[in-house]
């Protein structure tokens, strides 16, 4: 396979243009290209508004050897490659007495369950929330003014918190084992856009992701797996330091010697229960802040040099800064053409997130602008001190908005705002009840100042970012887990047979990395144990 890197084309080109460009670079006829696969597509906007698409493509040719073709080209951007393919390990030989249990159906639990199911391990997946079809109805009802369902909301339910987000799939993890590519392929197999296989910043979008999640569940069921909704894990039963069962919310015990803890970053009551049962965990650094909204056209103009570019999707951005006190301040979960959403999961506490649909065609751009915090900021000791810190911020947000999402113009929030970039009639785009309120009161003074330091610096990077008519809302408190559940080189916790997994356990930071960690845990289990043999009564 011949790989061509740095192949440039204008936005809006055809598939035929790809073949013609590749043939020209290889000094062959277009008809000699028998196969062309796009491996990566990115955007080069350094000479905006003259934006170009940059491709990495793999090409098969006829009528000439690949080696001779590459030698003739003499360019560093043309080479011969061998694609690395994902390989699930050969099964172990130790027999399972009971089916493996996976707690949580976010990306970590879902992909762990998927891999175990298709390889014959018949896992049981426990989900405290509802199937995604019912979950969508519950979330919409809440956003429309209904009561919060603590067990079925933006944080809890099939698909995890990422289901109601932008659905970003990029990750900074090196994919030396092919897990990332395999995860994207599984998404596509179950209904995601094929473009995610090559886009530099792939995303699915909530409207597509909900269907993908349901399709993956159907595959798990068809392969002998089981999914139990409305079933919360309330504790761990052990004997001589080993797992023997999971206590369930209906007061029964599910016997098992293997449990994967893919509980997500918001399962606070589960962290509390498992800590009481002797599971080792520790507080960890994370970040908190507020959502900031701008007109998408302002972001397009900054990133592309054109407020309404043809053949380009809504522009994203990524900004980082350092506050005067040394704290990191940066954008998180940026949603082009997206919405701020009420992501609360506990009564009397308000949390927000960002969400985009697949088309990213909303009028506003939003991003969390977050400030790094460490256990020293939590005001208490103990493994769950970060959770207590989150709750205090969310309670402040709930009081500020009287139960609705508190929203404030940046000019009212800060006396350091700029002006002249965003019109006064700019309106927020929020899914859920919201009200103009004193959002500035939500963050502690030191974090508010760091937030303003960052906004001021970002205003020098993107004109109008710190404009008085931008909107801030909050609180963004669920950026990652405030807890890490300890695991060793075998991926097991101090209680043997327990496998902490994914973002909630502190080992991932997004949809794809969580999916990859779920796959890694599945591989580890499969390498040690033989597939489960179903018996009457199982």
Protein backbone atom coordinates (compact mmCIF):
# COMPACT_ATOMS: atom_id res chain seq x y z
CA UNK A 1 0.00 0.00 0.00
CA UNK A 2 1.35 3.43 -0.98
CA UNK A 3 0.74 6.29 1.45
CA UNK A 4 0.56 9.89 0.25
CA UNK A 5 0.72 12.57 2.95
CA UNK A 6 0.16 16.32 2.71
CA UNK A 7 -2.13 16.06 -0.31
CA UNK A 8 -3.93 19.42 -0.61
CA UNK A 9 -7.29 20.14 -2.23
CA UNK A 10 -9.82 22.96 -2.04
CA UNK A 11 -13.02 22.45 0.01
CA UNK A 12 -15.93 21.21 -2.06
CA UNK A 13 -13.85 18.95 -4.30
CA UNK A 14 -15.16 15.67 -5.68
CA UNK A 15 -13.99 12.10 -5.10
CA UNK A 16 -12.72 12.17 -8.68
CA UNK A 17 -10.45 15.07 -7.73
CA UNK A 18 -8.82 12.87 -5.07
CA UNK A 19 -7.95 10.24 -7.69
CA UNK A 20 -6.62 12.84 -10.12
CA UNK A 21 -4.46 14.50 -7.45
CA UNK A 22 -3.07 11.18 -6.23
CA UNK A 23 -2.28 10.05 -9.78
CA UNK A 24 -0.48 13.32 -10.48
CA UNK A 25 1.67 13.00 -7.37
CA UNK A 26 2.51 9.37 -8.21
CA UNK A 27 3.23 10.17 -11.88
CA UNK A 28 0.79 7.53 -13.08
CA UNK A 29 -2.52 7.48 -14.93
CA UNK A 30 -5.67 7.83 -12.86
CA UNK A 31 -6.87 4.49 -14.22
CA UNK A 32 -3.88 2.76 -12.57
CA UNK A 33 -5.26 3.51 -9.10
CA UNK A 34 -7.28 0.45 -8.11
CA UNK A 35 -8.10 1.55 -4.59
CA UNK A 36 -7.91 4.82 -2.67
CA UNK A 37 -8.65 5.05 1.04
CA UNK A 38 -8.71 8.34 2.92
CA UNK A 39 -6.84 7.84 6.20
CA UNK A 40 -6.97 11.38 7.50
CA UNK A 41 -8.49 14.72 6.55
CA UNK A 42 -7.60 17.95 8.29
CA UNK A 43 -8.03 21.67 7.61
CA UNK A 44 -5.18 24.07 6.86
CA UNK A 45 -6.37 27.60 7.59
CA UNK A 46 -2.96 29.25 7.95
CA UNK A 47 -3.55 31.37 4.84
CA UNK A 48 -7.22 32.19 5.53
CA UNK A 49 -9.51 32.81 3.83
CA UNK A 50 -7.67 30.52 1.38
CA UNK A 51 -8.48 27.37 3.34
CA UNK A 52 -7.30 23.96 2.13
CA UNK A 53 -8.09 20.36 3.05
CA UNK A 54 -5.03 18.24 3.83
CA UNK A 55 -5.26 14.51 3.16
CA UNK A 56 -3.38 11.36 4.01
CA UNK A 57 -4.46 8.61 1.59
CA UNK A 58 -3.50 4.99 0.99
CA UNK A 59 -3.40 3.90 -2.64
CA UNK A 60 -3.16 0.56 -4.46
CA UNK A 61 -1.89 0.63 -8.04
CA UNK A 62 -1.70 -1.62 -11.10
CA UNK A 63 0.73 -1.78 -13.98
CA UNK A 64 3.70 -0.81 -11.81
CA UNK A 65 5.20 -2.16 -8.60
CA UNK A 66 4.59 -0.12 -5.46
CA UNK A 67 8.33 -0.03 -4.75
CA UNK A 68 9.18 1.31 -8.19
CA UNK A 69 6.35 3.84 -8.01
CA UNK A 70 7.60 5.23 -4.70
CA UNK A 71 11.24 5.30 -5.82
CA UNK A 72 10.27 7.24 -8.92
CA UNK A 73 8.48 9.88 -6.86
CA UNK A 74 11.43 10.63 -4.56
CA UNK A 75 9.29 12.56 -2.07
CA UNK A 76 9.23 12.27 1.72
CA UNK A 77 5.43 12.45 1.63
CA UNK A 78 5.12 9.25 -0.42
CA UNK A 79 6.01 5.90 1.17
CA UNK A 80 5.02 2.24 1.49
CA UNK A 81 3.08 1.34 4.61
CA UNK A 82 1.58 -1.72 6.23
CA UNK A 83 -1.60 -1.11 8.17
CA UNK A 84 -1.72 -2.44 11.72
CA UNK A 85 -4.97 -4.19 12.46
CA UNK A 86 -6.61 -4.66 15.84
CA UNK A 87 -6.34 -8.18 17.25
CA UNK A 88 -8.34 -9.54 20.17
CA UNK A 89 -6.29 -12.00 22.25
CA UNK A 90 -6.68 -15.74 22.18
CA UNK A 91 -8.99 -16.84 25.01
CA UNK A 92 -7.63 -18.10 28.30
CA UNK A 93 -8.41 -21.52 29.76
CA UNK A 94 -9.68 -20.76 33.26
CA UNK A 95 -13.42 -21.55 33.39
CA UNK A 96 -15.88 -18.93 34.65
CA UNK A 97 -18.34 -20.01 37.33
CA UNK A 98 -20.55 -17.01 36.65
CA UNK A 99 -21.04 -14.51 33.86
CA UNK A 100 -18.84 -11.38 33.98
CA UNK A 101 -20.66 -8.24 35.13
CA UNK A 102 -20.12 -4.77 33.69
CA UNK A 103 -21.42 -1.86 35.75
CA UNK A 104 -22.30 1.08 33.53
CA UNK A 105 -23.09 1.41 29.82
CA UNK A 106 -21.15 4.52 28.91
CA UNK A 107 -18.48 4.06 26.22
CA UNK A 108 -16.15 2.12 28.55
CA UNK A 109 -18.79 -0.33 29.69
CA UNK A 110 -20.48 -0.55 26.29
CA UNK A 111 -17.28 -1.37 24.40
CA UNK A 112 -16.06 -3.75 27.09
CA UNK A 113 -19.41 -5.51 26.95
CA UNK A 114 -19.41 -5.53 23.15
CA UNK A 115 -15.97 -7.16 22.89
CA UNK A 116 -16.74 -9.75 25.56
CA UNK A 117 -20.12 -10.53 24.00
CA UNK A 118 -18.92 -11.05 20.43
CA UNK A 119 -16.14 -13.32 21.73
CA UNK A 120 -18.46 -15.59 23.69
CA UNK A 121 -18.27 -14.35 27.30
CA UNK A 122 -22.01 -13.59 27.69
CA UNK A 123 -21.58 -10.51 29.91
CA UNK A 124 -24.32 -8.97 32.04
CA UNK A 125 -24.38 -5.17 31.74
CA UNK A 126 -25.96 -3.24 34.62
CA UNK A 127 -27.27 0.27 33.98
CA UNK A 128 -28.87 2.35 36.72
CA UNK A 129 -30.57 4.53 34.11
CA UNK A 130 -32.86 3.71 31.23
CA UNK A 131 -32.41 2.46 27.67
CA UNK A 132 -31.47 5.31 25.37
CA UNK A 133 -34.94 5.49 23.80
CA UNK A 134 -36.62 6.14 27.16
CA UNK A 135 -33.68 8.21 28.38
CA UNK A 136 -34.12 10.69 25.51
CA UNK A 137 -37.77 11.16 26.51
CA UNK A 138 -36.82 11.71 30.17
CA UNK A 139 -34.15 14.26 29.27
CA UNK A 140 -36.44 16.19 26.94
CA UNK A 141 -39.15 16.26 29.62
CA UNK A 142 -36.65 17.70 32.12
CA UNK A 143 -35.39 20.30 29.65
CA UNK A 144 -39.00 21.33 29.01
CA UNK A 145 -39.58 22.10 32.68
CA UNK A 146 -40.37 18.69 34.16
CA UNK A 147 -38.85 17.25 37.31
CA UNK A 148 -35.32 15.87 37.28
CA UNK A 149 -35.17 12.07 37.29
CA UNK A 150 -32.04 11.27 39.37
CA UNK A 151 -31.67 7.91 37.61
CA UNK A 152 -32.39 8.92 34.00
CA UNK A 153 -30.81 12.18 32.85
CA UNK A 154 -27.88 13.61 30.89
CA UNK A 155 -25.41 11.85 33.20
CA UNK A 156 -27.16 8.49 33.81
CA UNK A 157 -28.54 6.05 31.28
CA UNK A 158 -27.50 3.96 28.30
CA UNK A 159 -24.61 5.56 26.42
CA UNK A 160 -23.31 7.56 29.37
CA UNK A 161 -22.78 11.31 29.67
CA UNK A 162 -21.19 11.51 26.22
CA UNK A 163 -24.51 10.68 24.55
CA UNK A 164 -25.70 14.25 25.19
CA UNK A 165 -22.52 16.03 24.12
CA UNK A 166 -20.81 17.01 20.91
CA UNK A 167 -19.83 13.40 20.42
CA UNK A 168 -16.16 14.19 19.82
CA UNK A 169 -14.04 11.15 19.08
CA UNK A 170 -10.51 12.53 18.88
CA UNK A 171 -8.03 11.44 21.50
CA UNK A 172 -4.41 12.18 22.35
CA UNK A 173 -3.73 8.51 23.16
CA UNK A 174 -1.24 6.81 20.83
CA UNK A 175 -3.04 3.99 19.08
CA UNK A 176 -0.18 1.50 18.79
CA UNK A 177 -2.53 -1.48 19.24
CA UNK A 178 -5.21 -0.28 16.85
CA UNK A 179 -7.92 0.07 19.50
CA UNK A 180 -8.85 3.61 18.51
CA UNK A 181 -9.31 2.72 14.86
CA UNK A 182 -11.28 -0.37 15.83
CA UNK A 183 -13.55 1.68 18.12
CA UNK A 184 -14.31 4.09 15.28
CA UNK A 185 -14.99 1.16 12.95
CA UNK A 186 -17.44 -0.31 15.48
CA UNK A 187 -19.21 3.04 15.65
CA UNK A 188 -19.51 3.12 11.85
CA UNK A 189 -20.71 -0.49 11.75
CA UNK A 190 -23.55 0.55 14.06
CA UNK A 191 -24.66 3.64 12.20
CA UNK A 192 -22.11 6.43 12.67
CA UNK A 193 -20.90 8.53 9.76
CA UNK A 194 -18.06 6.88 7.75
CA UNK A 195 -16.22 10.21 7.82
CA UNK A 196 -15.23 9.65 11.45
CA UNK A 197 -12.69 7.10 10.21
CA UNK A 198 -10.54 9.82 8.68
CA UNK A 199 -11.51 13.26 9.96
CA UNK A 200 -8.81 14.81 12.15
CA UNK A 201 -11.48 15.94 14.61
CA UNK A 202 -14.27 13.40 14.20
CA UNK A 203 -17.61 13.75 15.91
CA UNK A 204 -20.91 11.92 15.74
CA UNK A 205 -23.51 14.23 17.32
CA UNK A 206 -26.26 13.40 19.77
CA UNK A 207 -28.90 12.70 17.14
CA UNK A 208 -26.77 9.96 15.54
CA UNK A 209 -25.07 8.69 18.69
CA UNK A 210 -28.34 7.67 20.32
CA UNK A 211 -29.05 5.30 17.43
CA UNK A 212 -25.49 3.93 17.49
CA UNK A 213 -25.77 3.12 21.19
CA UNK A 214 -29.06 1.26 20.67
CA UNK A 215 -27.58 -0.71 17.76
CA UNK A 216 -24.57 -1.78 19.84
CA UNK A 217 -26.91 -2.98 22.57
CA UNK A 218 -28.75 -5.13 20.02
CA UNK A 219 -25.46 -6.70 18.93
CA UNK A 220 -24.56 -7.48 22.54
CA UNK A 221 -27.95 -9.14 23.07
CA UNK A 222 -27.69 -11.13 19.85
CA UNK A 223 -24.34 -12.55 21.02
CA UNK A 224 -25.64 -13.84 24.33
CA UNK A 225 -25.11 -10.75 26.47
CA UNK A 226 -27.71 -9.25 28.77
CA UNK A 227 -28.49 -5.62 29.63
CA UNK A 228 -30.44 -4.76 32.78
CA UNK A 229 -31.76 -1.19 32.95
CA UNK A 230 -32.96 0.51 36.12
CA UNK A 231 -30.47 -1.61 38.07
CA UNK A 232 -27.99 0.18 40.32
CA UNK A 233 -24.96 -1.51 41.88
CA UNK A 234 -25.04 -0.71 45.60
CA UNK A 235 -22.09 -2.66 46.93
CA UNK A 236 -19.42 -5.32 46.54
CA UNK A 237 -19.52 -8.73 48.26
CA UNK A 238 -16.11 -10.26 48.92
CA UNK A 239 -14.50 -13.30 50.45
CA UNK A 240 -10.80 -13.36 51.37
CA UNK A 241 -10.16 -10.22 49.32
CA UNK A 242 -11.85 -11.53 46.18
CA UNK A 243 -15.10 -10.53 44.53
CA UNK A 244 -17.99 -12.95 44.96
CA UNK A 245 -20.96 -10.81 44.00
CA UNK A 246 -22.55 -7.39 43.45
CA UNK A 247 -25.29 -6.06 45.74
CA UNK A 248 -28.08 -4.60 43.61
CA UNK A 249 -30.57 -1.83 44.28
CA UNK A 250 -33.42 -4.37 44.53
CA UNK A 251 -31.60 -5.92 47.54
CA UNK A 252 -30.56 -9.04 45.62
CA UNK A 253 -27.01 -10.25 44.96
CA UNK A 254 -25.68 -10.95 41.49
CA UNK A 255 -23.04 -13.64 41.92
CA UNK A 256 -19.88 -13.15 39.88
CA UNK A 257 -16.13 -13.37 40.20
CA UNK A 258 -15.51 -10.64 37.59
CA UNK A 259 -16.91 -7.10 37.65
CA UNK A 260 -15.90 -4.17 35.47
CA UNK A 261 -16.50 -0.81 37.16
CA UNK A 262 -17.35 1.52 34.26
CA UNK A 263 -19.52 3.70 36.47
CA UNK A 264 -18.87 7.13 34.91
CA UNK A 265 -17.72 10.37 36.50
CA UNK A 266 -21.08 11.26 38.10
CA UNK A 267 -21.89 8.08 40.04
CA UNK A 268 -21.22 9.72 43.40
CA UNK A 269 -23.37 7.40 45.49
CA UNK A 270 -21.65 4.40 43.90
CA UNK A 271 -18.22 5.79 44.78
CA UNK A 272 -19.44 6.21 48.37
CA UNK A 273 -20.78 2.65 48.57
CA UNK A 274 -17.69 1.06 47.05
CA UNK A 275 -15.39 3.05 49.32
CA UNK A 276 -17.28 1.70 52.33
CA UNK A 277 -16.78 -1.80 50.94
CA UNK A 278 -13.01 -1.35 51.02
CA UNK A 279 -12.21 -0.39 47.44
CA UNK A 280 -9.07 1.75 47.28
CA UNK A 281 -9.51 5.15 45.67
CA UNK A 282 -7.97 8.60 45.85
CA UNK A 283 -8.89 12.17 44.91
CA UNK A 284 -7.49 13.51 41.65
CA UNK A 285 -7.05 16.84 39.94
CA UNK A 286 -9.64 17.94 37.39
CA UNK A 287 -11.05 21.28 36.20
CA UNK A 288 -14.16 23.40 36.67
CA UNK A 289 -15.53 26.52 35.03
CA UNK A 290 -18.36 27.97 32.98
CA UNK A 291 -19.82 27.59 29.50
CA UNK A 292 -19.16 30.54 27.17
CA UNK A 293 -21.33 31.21 24.10
CA UNK A 294 -20.50 33.23 20.98
CA UNK A 295 -22.11 33.62 17.56
CA UNK A 296 -20.80 30.80 15.38
CA UNK A 297 -20.14 33.36 12.62
CA UNK A 298 -17.65 35.14 14.89
CA UNK A 299 -15.75 31.89 15.40
CA UNK A 300 -15.89 31.06 11.67
CA UNK A 301 -14.45 34.49 10.84
CA UNK A 302 -11.62 34.00 13.31
CA UNK A 303 -10.74 30.45 12.26
CA UNK A 304 -11.49 30.51 8.52
CA UNK A 305 -11.37 34.21 7.61
CA UNK A 306 -14.99 33.93 6.43
CA UNK A 307 -18.11 34.14 8.60
CA UNK A 308 -20.12 31.86 6.28
CA UNK A 309 -17.65 29.65 4.39
CA UNK A 310 -18.88 27.32 1.67
CA UNK A 311 -18.12 23.59 1.91
CA UNK A 312 -16.79 23.83 5.48
CA UNK A 313 -18.52 22.83 8.69
CA UNK A 314 -18.86 25.17 11.65
CA UNK A 315 -15.39 26.08 12.89
CA UNK A 316 -14.05 24.69 16.16
CA UNK A 317 -11.36 26.25 18.32
CA UNK A 318 -8.98 25.25 21.08
CA UNK A 319 -7.48 27.82 23.43
CA UNK A 320 -5.17 27.53 26.42
CA UNK A 321 -3.73 30.06 28.83
CA UNK A 322 -2.11 30.40 32.22
CA UNK A 323 -3.73 32.55 34.89
CA UNK A 324 -1.74 35.00 37.01
CA UNK A 325 -1.69 32.46 39.85
CA UNK A 326 -0.27 29.77 37.57
CA UNK A 327 -3.48 27.78 37.08
CA UNK A 328 -4.16 26.33 33.67
CA UNK A 329 -7.19 27.78 31.88
CA UNK A 330 -8.42 26.13 28.70
CA UNK A 331 -11.37 25.32 26.48
CA UNK A 332 -13.06 21.97 26.92
CA UNK A 333 -15.72 20.11 24.93
CA UNK A 334 -16.04 22.90 22.38
CA UNK A 335 -19.35 22.59 20.50
CA UNK A 336 -19.51 24.27 17.07
CA UNK A 337 -23.09 25.15 16.17
CA UNK A 338 -24.13 23.66 19.48
CA UNK A 339 -26.16 24.16 22.64
CA UNK A 340 -25.53 24.49 26.36
CA UNK A 341 -27.50 21.78 28.18
CA UNK A 342 -28.67 21.31 31.74
CA UNK A 343 -26.69 18.20 32.75
CA UNK A 344 -27.78 18.01 36.39
CA UNK A 345 -28.10 14.61 38.05
CA UNK A 346 -28.85 15.51 41.69
CA UNK A 347 -31.77 17.56 43.04
CA UNK A 348 -30.74 21.00 44.32
CA UNK A 349 -27.56 21.01 42.23
CA UNK A 350 -27.07 22.47 38.74
CA UNK A 351 -24.42 21.35 36.26
CA UNK A 352 -24.09 22.17 32.56
CA UNK A 353 -22.50 20.57 29.51
CA UNK A 354 -22.27 21.30 25.79
CA UNK A 355 -24.01 19.39 22.99
CA UNK A 356 -24.06 19.44 19.20
CA UNK A 357 -26.18 17.59 16.69
CA UNK A 358 -24.47 15.90 13.75
CA UNK A 359 -25.03 18.86 11.43
CA UNK A 360 -23.52 21.37 13.87
CA UNK A 361 -25.86 23.88 12.30
CA UNK A 362 -26.92 25.90 15.35
CA UNK A 363 -26.31 29.66 15.39
CA UNK A 364 -24.09 29.60 18.48
CA UNK A 365 -20.73 28.15 19.39
CA UNK A 366 -20.06 27.21 22.98
CA UNK A 367 -17.23 25.80 25.00
CA UNK A 368 -16.46 25.20 28.64
CA UNK A 369 -13.70 27.54 29.77
CA UNK A 370 -12.30 25.65 32.72
CA UNK A 371 -9.71 26.19 35.41
CA UNK A 372 -7.52 23.44 36.82
CA UNK A 373 -8.08 22.45 40.45
CA UNK A 374 -6.17 20.04 42.67
CA UNK A 375 -6.97 18.26 45.96
CA UNK A 376 -5.46 21.27 47.74
CA UNK A 377 -8.46 23.29 46.49
CA UNK A 378 -11.10 20.90 47.77
CA UNK A 379 -11.16 22.16 51.36
CA UNK A 380 -11.19 18.67 52.86
CA UNK A 381 -9.25 15.43 52.92
CA UNK A 382 -10.30 11.98 51.84
CA UNK A 383 -10.86 10.14 48.55
CA UNK A 384 -14.22 11.84 47.89
CA UNK A 385 -13.20 15.40 48.73
CA UNK A 386 -13.38 16.35 45.03
CA UNK A 387 -17.01 15.22 44.93
CA UNK A 388 -17.82 17.45 47.90
CA UNK A 389 -16.11 20.34 46.11
CA UNK A 390 -18.19 19.73 42.95
CA UNK A 391 -21.38 19.62 44.97
CA UNK A 392 -20.69 23.00 46.60
CA UNK A 393 -20.24 24.63 43.20
CA UNK A 394 -23.38 22.98 41.82
CA UNK A 395 -25.40 24.09 44.85
CA UNK A 396 -24.20 27.66 44.27
CA UNK A 397 -25.28 27.41 40.62
CA UNK A 398 -28.70 26.06 41.66
CA UNK A 399 -29.19 28.95 44.10
CA UNK A 400 -28.11 31.51 41.51
CA UNK A 401 -30.56 30.23 38.91
CA UNK A 402 -33.25 29.13 41.40
CA UNK A 403 -33.19 25.70 39.81
CA UNK A 404 -32.70 26.91 36.23
CA UNK A 405 -29.35 27.31 34.50
CA UNK A 406 -27.90 30.70 35.56
CA UNK A 407 -26.87 32.79 32.54
CA UNK A 408 -25.12 36.17 32.48
CA UNK A 409 -23.65 38.51 29.88
CA UNK A 410 -19.91 38.65 30.19
CA UNK A 411 -20.03 42.44 30.53
CA UNK A 412 -22.04 42.00 33.74
CA UNK A 413 -19.89 39.10 34.89
CA UNK A 414 -16.59 40.97 34.52
CA UNK A 415 -15.41 44.58 34.33
CA UNK A 416 -12.61 43.37 32.02
CA UNK A 417 -14.86 42.61 29.02
CA UNK A 418 -14.16 44.02 25.54
CA UNK A 419 -16.86 45.42 23.27
CA UNK A 420 -17.86 45.94 19.66
CA UNK A 421 -17.75 42.39 18.33
CA UNK A 422 -21.07 40.77 19.33
CA UNK A 423 -24.43 42.56 18.82
CA UNK A 424 -26.61 43.36 21.83
CA UNK A 425 -29.44 41.15 20.53
CA UNK A 426 -27.26 38.00 20.68
CA UNK A 427 -29.21 35.31 22.59
CA UNK A 428 -28.07 32.11 24.34
CA UNK A 429 -28.88 28.66 22.93
CA UNK A 430 -29.72 26.43 25.89
CA UNK A 431 -31.52 23.11 26.15
CA UNK A 432 -33.27 23.31 29.47
CA UNK A 433 -34.79 26.03 31.62
CA UNK A 434 -32.53 29.05 32.11
CA UNK A 435 -32.61 32.50 33.65
CA UNK A 436 -30.42 35.57 33.69
CA UNK A 437 -28.73 35.51 37.07
CA UNK A 438 -25.57 36.27 39.00
CA UNK A 439 -23.37 33.58 37.48
CA UNK A 440 -20.32 35.40 38.83
CA UNK A 441 -21.32 34.21 42.32
CA UNK A 442 -20.96 30.54 41.38
CA UNK A 443 -17.15 30.34 41.28
CA UNK A 444 -14.92 30.98 44.31
CA UNK A 445 -13.02 34.31 43.97
CA UNK A 446 -9.69 32.70 43.04
CA UNK A 447 -11.29 30.59 40.29
CA UNK A 448 -13.35 33.53 38.98
CA UNK A 449 -10.18 35.62 38.67
CA UNK A 450 -8.35 32.78 36.87
CA UNK A 451 -11.35 32.43 34.53
CA UNK A 452 -11.20 36.17 33.74
CA UNK A 453 -7.42 35.99 33.22
CA UNK A 454 -8.00 33.28 30.66
CA UNK A 455 -10.87 35.10 28.93
CA UNK A 456 -8.72 38.22 28.58
CA UNK A 457 -5.93 36.22 26.94
CA UNK A 458 -8.38 34.37 24.68
CA UNK A 459 -9.75 37.73 23.55
CA UNK A 460 -6.31 38.48 22.13
CA UNK A 461 -6.34 35.15 20.26
CA UNK A 462 -9.93 35.31 18.95
CA UNK A 463 -11.30 38.82 18.51
CA UNK A 464 -14.50 39.19 20.54
CA UNK A 465 -14.01 36.09 22.67
CA UNK A 466 -14.21 38.25 25.81
CA UNK A 467 -16.92 40.54 24.41
CA UNK A 468 -19.44 42.06 26.80
CA UNK A 469 -22.32 40.41 24.92
CA UNK A 470 -20.96 36.86 25.11
CA UNK A 471 -22.87 34.68 27.56
CA UNK A 472 -21.53 32.64 30.48
CA UNK A 473 -23.51 29.89 32.21
CA UNK A 474 -22.72 27.27 34.77
CA UNK A 475 -21.47 25.46 36.40
CA UNK A 476 -19.26 23.14 34.34
CA UNK A 477 -18.18 20.75 37.09
CA UNK A 478 -18.14 17.30 35.42
CA UNK A 479 -15.13 17.70 33.11
CA UNK A 480 -13.62 14.45 34.38
CA UNK A 481 -13.79 12.22 37.41
CA UNK A 482 -12.64 13.77 40.70
CA UNK A 483 -11.76 10.24 41.85
CA UNK A 484 -9.35 7.54 40.71
CA UNK A 485 -10.05 3.93 41.67
CA UNK A 486 -6.68 2.24 42.09
CA UNK A 487 -5.74 -0.62 39.76
CA UNK A 488 -2.49 -2.52 39.21
CA UNK A 489 -0.67 -3.82 36.15
CA UNK A 490 -3.34 -6.55 35.80
CA UNK A 491 -5.97 -3.76 35.66
CA UNK A 492 -7.51 -5.08 38.90
CA UNK A 493 -8.35 -3.15 42.04
CA UNK A 494 -7.22 -4.18 45.52
CA UNK A 495 -10.32 -6.41 45.56
CA UNK A 496 -9.37 -9.14 43.09
CA UNK A 497 -11.76 -9.68 40.23
CA UNK A 498 -12.75 -5.99 40.21
CA UNK A 499 -11.60 -4.04 37.14
CA UNK A 500 -11.89 -0.21 37.40
CA UNK A 501 -12.43 1.11 33.90
CA UNK A 502 -12.99 4.26 31.88
CA UNK A 503 -13.40 7.90 32.70
CA UNK A 504 -15.26 7.47 35.99
CA UNK A 505 -12.47 5.30 37.39
CA UNK A 506 -9.90 7.90 36.33
CA UNK A 507 -8.37 6.15 33.30
CA UNK A 508 -9.85 7.99 30.32
CA UNK A 509 -10.86 11.47 29.20
CA UNK A 510 -13.48 11.28 26.49
CA UNK A 511 -15.62 8.93 24.43
CA UNK A 512 -12.86 7.27 22.40
CA UNK A 513 -10.31 6.93 25.21
CA UNK A 514 -13.02 5.45 27.45
CA UNK A 515 -14.02 3.01 24.70
CA UNK A 516 -10.37 2.03 24.25
CA UNK A 517 -9.95 1.43 27.98
CA UNK A 518 -13.08 -0.73 27.95
CA UNK A 519 -11.60 -2.77 25.11
CA UNK A 520 -8.30 -3.11 26.98
CA UNK A 521 -10.07 -4.43 30.07
CA UNK A 522 -12.07 -6.87 27.93
CA UNK A 523 -8.83 -8.13 26.38
CA UNK A 524 -7.27 -8.62 29.81
CA UNK A 525 -10.26 -10.61 31.05
CA UNK A 526 -10.44 -12.72 27.90
CA UNK A 527 -6.73 -13.55 27.97
CA UNK A 528 -7.14 -15.07 31.45
CA UNK A 529 -10.55 -16.74 31.20
CA UNK A 530 -12.27 -19.11 28.81
CA UNK A 531 -15.55 -18.03 27.17
CA UNK A 532 -18.57 -18.60 29.35
CA UNK A 533 -20.60 -21.74 28.77
CA UNK A 534 -24.28 -21.01 29.28
CA UNK A 535 -26.15 -23.50 31.45
CA UNK A 536 -29.78 -23.84 32.38
CA UNK A 537 -30.58 -21.10 34.87
CA UNK A 538 -27.82 -18.73 33.73
